[in-house]
């Protein structure tokens, strides 16, 4: 599966676009989480929502 290079997020998450599906996936410590999003912005918003200070 061909993926775009990892984009590290401020909080230690990584956001990658899955070239096969076109969806954005989230990784924590190199493990894929059971989340995928239509846009990179949606993925980053989900990460922001996980941070207690951002709620």
Protein backbone atom coordinates (compact mmCIF):
# COMPACT_ATOMS: atom_id res chain seq x y z
CA UNK A 1 0.00 0.00 0.00
CA UNK A 2 1.50 3.32 -1.07
CA UNK A 3 1.06 6.12 1.45
CA UNK A 4 2.20 9.71 1.46
CA UNK A 5 5.09 10.50 3.79
CA UNK A 6 4.14 10.85 7.41
CA UNK A 7 3.08 14.26 8.65
CA UNK A 8 3.85 14.57 12.35
CA UNK A 9 1.26 16.44 14.35
CA UNK A 10 2.03 18.59 17.37
CA UNK A 11 0.61 16.07 19.79
CA UNK A 12 2.63 13.08 18.58
CA UNK A 13 0.01 11.76 16.15
CA UNK A 14 0.83 11.19 12.50
CA UNK A 15 -1.60 11.88 9.66
CA UNK A 16 -1.13 10.04 6.37
CA UNK A 17 -3.11 9.87 3.17
CA UNK A 18 -3.78 6.33 2.02
CA UNK A 19 -3.14 6.43 -1.73
CA UNK A 20 -5.30 3.34 -2.33
CA UNK A 21 -8.42 4.78 -0.71
CA UNK A 22 -7.71 8.52 -0.78
CA UNK A 23 -8.72 8.72 2.89
CA UNK A 24 -6.65 10.27 5.67
CA UNK A 25 -5.56 7.94 8.47
CA UNK A 26 -4.24 8.66 11.95
CA UNK A 27 -1.30 6.89 13.57
CA UNK A 28 -0.10 6.96 17.17
CA UNK A 29 3.40 5.63 17.82
CA UNK A 30 3.41 4.02 14.35
CA UNK A 31 0.18 2.12 15.04
CA UNK A 32 -2.83 2.91 12.84
CA UNK A 33 -5.88 3.95 14.80
CA UNK A 34 -9.34 2.83 13.76
CA UNK A 35 -10.10 6.26 12.31
CA UNK A 36 -10.12 7.58 8.76
CA UNK A 37 -11.29 10.86 7.31
CA UNK A 38 -12.20 12.36 3.95
CA UNK A 39 -9.90 15.36 4.44
CA UNK A 40 -6.65 16.07 6.23
CA UNK A 41 -8.36 18.93 8.07
CA UNK A 42 -11.00 16.53 9.44
CA UNK A 43 -8.24 14.23 10.72
CA UNK A 44 -6.42 17.11 12.39
CA UNK A 45 -9.67 18.33 13.96
CA UNK A 46 -10.24 14.85 15.43
CA UNK A 47 -6.75 14.97 16.95
CA UNK A 48 -7.40 18.43 18.40
CA UNK A 49 -10.63 17.13 19.95
CA UNK A 50 -8.66 14.42 21.79
CA UNK A 51 -6.63 16.99 23.73
CA UNK A 52 -8.27 17.94 27.07
CA UNK A 53 -7.20 21.59 26.76
CA UNK A 54 -8.97 21.88 23.40
CA UNK A 55 -12.39 20.71 24.62
